[in-house]
Amino acid sequence: MGGDNAPVVPVFSSLEVCNENPDIKVLLVGSEKVIRECLNGAKIPENLEIIDAGESIEMGETPSLAFRNKGNSSVHVALDLLVGGKGDAFFSAGNTGAIVTAAYFKSGVIPNITRPALATSYPSVDKHKLIILDLGATLDPKAENLFDFGVLGEAYRFFMTGLEDSKISILNVGTEEGKGSKKIAEAAEMFKESPLNYKGFIESNILFSHPETDVVVTDAFTGNVALKTVEGLTETISQLIKAKIAPSQLPKIQTFVFNKVFGEVFRNFQYNLYGTAFLLGINHFVGIGHGRSDKKAFKNAILRLKRYSERNFTKKIADRVKVVKKSS
């Protein structure tokens, strides 16, 4: 029921995923009446089940109030199903703050972690995968929270690559010592005193060129603004190039080259290619998507969550955090 394109996009994305992947079962949680009206008589496959929820949380609602006052919302019902063992993963493109709040209290934070963080990975110019967190879970973290974000980011990279050499940096207004806020300086000291491979501060202008780091730690406000700015700028530049070159007027071979060269570059930064960011640091597997998620984003999110859940994502993150914290 959440997201700018709900309920049509979530409903038909789920329907297509189930029709194309009989080994996936989707529990579609929301107003059953609205969902069935949206389906308009379309055949529902056996691996798609509608779970009724009497309320929904609007995108602009205050997370704390929504948590207290809307216990029968689709977010609450779905997370209860997840925590109760009725599913392997949760996904929504709804109100991020409300999802994080509900997940925090219903799932709980894993041992040795103070706050969860929303994380995703992005490519740089040299094809290097860069993990960035927090993107929306903790707006005003303390120094110890920032340190834990680094631990979670290291665990995420270890899950993806099996490598133990993750370089960690803190996003800051400059690379020099003494730059930034007090909590950033305190977090930096915590990293220096830990066994983690801390590489110092990093500025946003090199995040996607040659960052020379693997994990970038920041607060949710800064991280969310930075990523949306990058995504918006990428889309704008792509549109400007298309308008300038007008590939539709080019011969077929030139159009092919245009799509091959420029298309692949910009595609790397399209949010719908990944579909979901992961809420790291809680006891269950939760994915959160952009509010403007389209059908491609929803489908990719569901498929990605399935792949990672089959690899025991949540347990492996918790196991790695335990190892790192024990050595700290």
Protein backbone atom coordinates (compact mmCIF):
# COMPACT_ATOMS: atom_id res chain seq x y z
CA MET A 1 0.00 0.00 0.00
CA GLY A 2 3.06 2.26 0.16
CA GLY A 3 4.95 4.20 -2.47
CA ASP A 4 4.09 6.85 -5.02
CA ASN A 5 2.68 4.26 -7.44
CA ALA A 6 0.67 2.13 -5.03
CA PRO A 7 -1.31 -0.02 -5.28
CA VAL A 8 -1.05 -0.63 -9.03
CA VAL A 9 2.73 -1.07 -9.31
CA PRO A 10 3.22 -3.24 -6.18
CA VAL A 11 0.24 -5.43 -7.08
CA PHE A 12 1.11 -6.08 -10.72
CA SER A 13 4.83 -6.40 -10.01
CA SER A 14 4.04 -9.14 -7.51
CA LEU A 15 1.67 -10.78 -9.96
CA GLU A 16 4.31 -10.85 -12.71
CA VAL A 17 7.04 -12.12 -10.38
CA CYS A 18 4.80 -15.00 -9.25
CA ASN A 19 3.78 -15.90 -12.80
CA GLU A 20 7.41 -15.86 -13.97
CA ASN A 21 8.89 -17.59 -10.90
CA PRO A 22 6.76 -20.47 -9.60
CA ASP A 23 9.33 -21.17 -6.87
CA ILE A 24 8.61 -17.80 -5.21
CA LYS A 25 5.63 -17.24 -2.93
CA VAL A 26 4.55 -13.65 -2.31
CA LEU A 27 2.29 -12.58 0.53
CA LEU A 28 0.75 -9.35 -0.74
CA VAL A 29 -0.25 -7.40 2.36
CA GLY A 30 -2.79 -4.57 2.21
CA SER A 31 -6.45 -3.79 1.79
CA GLU A 32 -7.85 -6.93 0.17
CA LYS A 33 -10.72 -4.91 -1.28
CA VAL A 34 -8.39 -2.40 -2.93
CA ILE A 35 -6.01 -5.11 -4.17
CA ARG A 36 -8.80 -7.14 -5.79
CA GLU A 37 -10.25 -4.02 -7.39
CA CYS A 38 -6.79 -3.27 -8.75
CA LEU A 39 -6.45 -6.80 -10.16
CA ASN A 40 -9.81 -6.32 -11.90
CA GLY A 41 -10.47 -10.03 -12.34
CA ALA A 42 -6.91 -11.00 -13.30
CA LYS A 43 -6.11 -14.61 -12.47
CA ILE A 44 -4.23 -14.95 -9.19
CA PRO A 45 -1.52 -17.64 -9.29
CA GLU A 46 -1.28 -20.19 -6.48
CA ASN A 47 1.99 -18.68 -5.26
CA LEU A 48 0.43 -15.26 -4.62
CA GLU A 49 -1.59 -14.83 -1.44
CA ILE A 50 -3.46 -11.69 -0.42
CA ILE A 51 -3.29 -10.85 3.30
CA ASP A 52 -5.81 -8.26 4.43
CA ALA A 53 -4.70 -5.24 6.45
CA GLY A 54 -7.29 -2.72 7.59
CA GLU A 55 -5.04 0.34 7.58
CA SER A 56 -2.20 1.84 5.59
CA ILE A 57 0.49 4.36 6.51
CA GLU A 58 0.68 7.42 4.29
CA MET A 59 4.04 8.61 2.97
CA GLY A 60 3.98 11.81 5.01
CA GLU A 61 2.89 10.37 8.36
CA THR A 62 5.08 10.72 11.45
CA PRO A 63 6.77 7.32 12.05
CA SER A 64 6.29 7.27 15.83
CA LEU A 65 2.59 8.17 15.59
CA ALA A 66 2.02 5.66 12.80
CA PHE A 67 3.65 2.95 14.91
CA ARG A 68 1.49 3.72 17.94
CA ASN A 69 -1.80 4.44 16.20
CA LYS A 70 -1.89 2.13 13.19
CA GLY A 71 -1.26 -1.33 14.56
CA ASN A 72 -3.31 -2.90 11.77
CA SER A 73 -1.44 -1.18 8.94
CA SER A 74 0.01 -3.21 6.08
CA VAL A 75 3.52 -2.50 7.43
CA HIS A 76 2.64 -3.81 10.90
CA VAL A 77 0.82 -6.88 9.61
CA ALA A 78 3.59 -7.77 7.16
CA LEU A 79 6.35 -7.37 9.76
CA ASP A 80 4.36 -9.49 12.22
CA LEU A 81 4.19 -12.21 9.58
CA LEU A 82 7.95 -11.93 9.01
CA VAL A 83 8.83 -12.06 12.70
CA GLY A 84 6.36 -14.92 13.16
CA GLY A 85 8.22 -17.02 10.59
CA LYS A 86 5.61 -16.73 7.83
CA GLY A 87 8.06 -15.23 5.36
CA ASP A 88 11.76 -14.95 4.57
CA ALA A 89 11.92 -11.25 3.72
CA PHE A 90 9.88 -8.05 3.83
CA PHE A 91 9.79 -5.38 1.15
CA SER A 92 8.02 -2.05 0.86
CA ALA A 93 8.45 1.23 -0.98
CA GLY A 94 6.35 2.99 1.66
CA ASN A 95 7.18 5.42 4.46
CA THR A 96 10.83 4.64 5.29
CA GLY A 97 10.71 6.09 8.80
CA ALA A 98 7.58 4.12 9.66
CA ILE A 99 9.09 0.89 8.34
CA VAL A 100 12.35 1.42 10.24
CA THR A 101 10.50 2.25 13.46
CA ALA A 102 8.22 -0.79 13.21
CA ALA A 103 11.11 -3.09 12.26
CA TYR A 104 13.24 -1.74 15.12
CA PHE A 105 10.61 -2.60 17.73
CA LYS A 106 9.15 -5.74 16.20
CA SER A 107 12.33 -7.45 14.98
CA GLY A 108 14.82 -5.99 17.43
CA VAL A 109 18.46 -5.06 16.96
CA ILE A 110 21.06 -7.83 16.72
CA PRO A 111 23.54 -8.24 19.60
CA ASN A 112 26.48 -5.79 19.66
CA ILE A 113 24.75 -3.20 17.46
CA THR A 114 23.24 0.02 18.83
CA ARG A 115 21.20 1.18 15.83
CA PRO A 116 20.26 -0.28 12.43
CA ALA A 117 21.34 1.31 9.16
CA LEU A 118 19.94 1.28 5.64
CA ALA A 119 22.61 0.25 3.16
CA THR A 120 23.11 -0.22 -0.55
CA SER A 121 26.02 -0.65 -2.93
CA TYR A 122 26.89 1.49 -5.94
CA PRO A 123 29.52 1.16 -8.67
CA SER A 124 32.35 3.61 -9.18
CA VAL A 125 34.15 4.45 -12.42
CA ASP A 126 36.58 1.57 -11.91
CA LYS A 127 33.67 -0.90 -11.40
CA HIS A 128 34.49 -0.98 -7.71
CA LYS A 129 31.42 -1.66 -5.54
CA LEU A 130 30.98 0.98 -2.86
CA ILE A 131 28.74 0.33 0.15
CA ILE A 132 27.08 3.42 1.62
CA LEU A 133 25.20 3.59 4.91
CA ASP A 134 23.10 5.01 6.54
CA LEU A 135 20.58 6.03 3.87
CA GLY A 136 17.46 6.51 5.93
CA ALA A 137 17.29 4.70 9.26
CA THR A 138 19.01 6.98 11.81
CA LEU A 139 18.85 10.70 11.09
CA ASP A 140 20.88 11.92 14.07
CA PRO A 141 23.27 9.13 15.11
CA LYS A 142 25.77 9.26 17.94
CA ALA A 143 29.44 8.46 17.41
CA GLU A 144 28.96 4.88 18.60
CA ASN A 145 26.14 4.46 16.08
CA LEU A 146 28.41 5.63 13.25
CA PHE A 147 31.03 3.14 14.37
CA ASP A 148 28.42 0.37 14.32
CA PHE A 149 27.42 1.42 10.79
CA GLY A 150 31.03 0.74 9.79
CA VAL A 151 30.85 -2.70 11.39
CA LEU A 152 27.60 -3.45 9.55
CA GLY A 153 29.03 -2.20 6.26
CA GLU A 154 32.07 -4.42 6.69
CA ALA A 155 29.79 -7.39 7.39
CA TYR A 156 27.72 -6.62 4.28
CA ARG A 157 30.81 -6.53 2.07
CA PHE A 158 32.09 -9.73 3.66
CA PHE A 159 28.76 -11.38 2.83
CA MET A 160 28.99 -10.28 -0.81
CA THR A 161 32.69 -10.95 -1.44
CA GLY A 162 34.10 -13.11 1.36
CA LEU A 163 36.92 -10.57 1.66
CA GLU A 164 38.20 -9.41 5.04
CA ASP A 165 40.16 -6.37 3.85
CA SER A 166 37.33 -3.83 3.72
CA LYS A 167 38.50 -0.22 3.83
CA ILE A 168 36.17 2.07 5.77
CA SER A 169 35.79 5.84 5.47
CA ILE A 170 33.56 8.51 6.97
CA LEU A 171 31.80 10.96 4.64
CA ASN A 172 32.85 14.46 5.63
CA VAL A 173 33.19 18.04 4.33
CA GLY A 174 36.96 17.58 4.00
CA THR A 175 39.66 14.95 4.38
CA GLU A 176 41.80 16.88 6.85
CA GLU A 177 41.88 16.06 10.56
CA GLY A 178 39.68 18.40 12.55
CA LYS A 179 37.05 18.82 9.83
CA GLY A 180 33.42 18.06 10.55
CA SER A 181 31.25 17.77 13.64
CA LYS A 182 32.19 16.58 17.10
CA LYS A 183 30.45 13.24 16.69
CA ILE A 184 32.28 12.58 13.41
CA ALA A 185 35.60 13.28 15.16
CA GLU A 186 34.61 10.93 18.00
CA ALA A 187 33.57 8.22 15.56
CA ALA A 188 36.89 8.58 13.73
CA GLU A 189 38.76 7.98 17.01
CA MET A 190 36.68 4.86 17.65
CA PHE A 191 37.58 3.53 14.22
CA LYS A 192 41.27 4.28 14.75
CA GLU A 193 41.27 2.32 17.99
CA SER A 194 39.49 -0.68 16.43
CA PRO A 195 40.92 -3.51 14.28
CA LEU A 196 38.88 -2.27 11.31
CA ASN A 197 40.78 -0.95 8.30
CA TYR A 198 39.89 2.72 8.74
CA LYS A 199 41.05 5.00 5.91
CA GLY A 200 39.93 8.39 7.24
CA PHE A 201 37.50 10.95 5.82
CA ILE A 202 36.19 11.01 2.27
CA GLU A 203 34.52 13.83 0.35
CA SER A 204 31.40 13.29 -1.74
CA ASN A 205 33.02 14.49 -4.99
CA ILE A 206 35.06 11.29 -5.34
CA LEU A 207 32.51 8.77 -4.10
CA PHE A 208 31.83 7.38 -7.57
CA SER A 209 35.10 8.08 -9.34
CA HIS A 210 38.04 6.51 -7.49
CA PRO A 211 37.00 6.37 -3.83
CA GLU A 212 39.82 4.03 -2.73
CA THR A 213 37.54 2.71 0.00
CA ASP A 214 34.90 0.01 0.30
CA VAL A 215 32.48 1.25 2.96
CA VAL A 216 31.36 4.85 3.45
CA VAL A 217 29.72 5.75 6.76
CA THR A 218 27.38 8.71 7.21
CA ASP A 219 24.14 9.73 8.91
CA ALA A 220 20.78 9.01 7.30
CA PHE A 221 20.03 12.62 6.36
CA THR A 222 23.33 13.18 4.56
CA GLY A 223 23.35 9.74 2.95
CA ASN A 224 19.80 10.00 1.66
CA VAL A 225 20.34 13.47 0.20
CA ALA A 226 23.66 12.45 -1.39
CA LEU A 227 22.24 9.37 -3.11
CA LYS A 228 19.10 11.09 -4.38
CA THR A 229 21.22 13.93 -5.72
CA VAL A 230 23.47 11.51 -7.59
CA GLU A 231 20.50 9.59 -9.01
CA GLY A 232 18.69 12.76 -10.04
CA LEU A 233 21.80 14.25 -11.63
CA THR A 234 22.49 11.03 -13.52
CA GLU A 235 18.96 10.99 -14.95
CA THR A 236 19.20 14.68 -15.88
CA ILE A 237 22.55 14.28 -17.67
CA SER A 238 21.21 11.25 -19.54
CA GLN A 239 18.19 13.24 -20.72
CA LEU A 240 20.36 16.18 -21.76
CA ILE A 241 22.67 13.95 -23.81
CA LYS A 242 19.72 12.25 -25.51
CA ALA A 243 18.17 15.61 -26.35
CA LYS A 244 21.45 16.96 -27.71
CA ILE A 245 22.41 13.97 -29.85
CA ALA A 246 18.85 12.95 -30.76
CA PRO A 247 19.70 9.26 -31.32
CA SER A 248 16.33 8.57 -32.93
CA GLN A 249 17.54 10.54 -35.95
CA LEU A 250 20.83 8.65 -36.20
CA PRO A 251 21.46 5.60 -38.38
CA LYS A 252 20.87 2.27 -36.66
CA ILE A 253 24.56 1.55 -36.06
CA GLN A 254 25.06 4.92 -34.37
CA THR A 255 21.95 4.42 -32.26
CA PHE A 256 23.31 1.05 -31.16
CA VAL A 257 26.64 2.61 -30.16
CA PHE A 258 24.86 5.40 -28.28
CA ASN A 259 22.73 2.95 -26.30
CA LYS A 260 25.67 0.64 -25.70
CA VAL A 261 28.06 3.32 -24.42
CA PHE A 262 25.81 5.79 -22.65
CA GLY A 263 23.05 3.37 -21.72
CA GLU A 264 25.33 1.03 -19.78
CA VAL A 265 27.00 3.91 -17.93
CA PHE A 266 23.78 5.50 -16.73
CA ARG A 267 22.11 2.15 -16.07
CA ASN A 268 24.61 1.47 -13.28
CA PHE A 269 23.14 4.33 -11.28
CA GLN A 270 19.46 3.61 -11.84
CA TYR A 271 17.77 2.84 -8.54
CA ASN A 272 15.43 0.31 -10.14
CA LEU A 273 18.37 -1.89 -11.19
CA TYR A 274 18.93 -2.79 -7.53
CA GLY A 275 15.36 -2.33 -6.35
CA THR A 276 16.02 -2.29 -2.65
CA ALA A 277 18.34 -1.17 0.09
CA PHE A 278 18.77 -3.43 3.13
CA LEU A 279 18.04 -2.54 6.74
CA LEU A 280 21.14 -3.95 8.40
CA GLY A 281 21.42 -4.67 12.10
CA ILE A 282 17.99 -6.14 12.89
CA ASN A 283 17.05 -9.78 13.43
CA HIS A 284 15.00 -10.24 10.26
CA PHE A 285 15.49 -9.50 6.56
CA VAL A 286 13.95 -6.16 5.59
CA GLY A 287 14.30 -4.35 2.28
CA ILE A 288 13.13 -0.80 1.61
CA GLY A 289 12.73 0.75 -1.83
CA HIS A 290 12.41 4.25 -3.25
CA GLY A 291 8.98 5.81 -2.84
CA ARG A 292 8.92 6.26 -6.62
CA SER A 293 9.76 2.62 -7.31
CA ASP A 294 8.44 1.39 -10.65
CA LYS A 295 7.59 -2.15 -11.74
CA LYS A 296 11.21 -2.94 -12.61
CA ALA A 297 12.34 -1.83 -9.15
CA PHE A 298 9.72 -3.94 -7.38
CA LYS A 299 10.51 -7.04 -9.39
CA ASN A 300 14.27 -6.67 -8.95
CA ALA A 301 13.78 -6.08 -5.23
CA ILE A 302 11.75 -9.26 -4.75
CA LEU A 303 14.19 -11.36 -6.76
CA ARG A 304 17.21 -9.92 -4.95
CA LEU A 305 15.65 -10.52 -1.55
CA LYS A 306 14.94 -14.11 -2.56
CA ARG A 307 18.55 -14.72 -3.64
CA TYR A 308 20.00 -13.22 -0.48
CA SER A 309 17.56 -14.96 1.85
CA GLU A 310 18.55 -18.29 0.32
CA ARG A 311 22.12 -17.43 1.35
CA ASN A 312 21.04 -16.74 4.97
CA PHE A 313 21.76 -13.03 4.69
CA THR A 314 20.58 -11.96 8.15
CA LYS A 315 22.36 -14.75 10.03
CA LYS A 316 25.62 -14.23 8.16
CA ILE A 317 25.54 -10.49 8.83
CA ALA A 318 24.98 -11.15 12.55
CA ASP A 319 27.72 -13.80 12.65
CA ARG A 320 30.22 -11.45 11.01
CA VAL A 321 29.30 -8.58 13.34
CA LYS A 322 29.92 -10.87 16.32
CA VAL A 323 33.39 -11.76 15.02
CA VAL A 324 34.36 -8.13 14.37
CA LYS A 325 33.00 -6.86 17.66
CA LYS A 326 34.74 -9.60 19.60
CA SER A 327 38.09 -8.48 18.18
CA SER A 328 37.39 -4.77 18.85
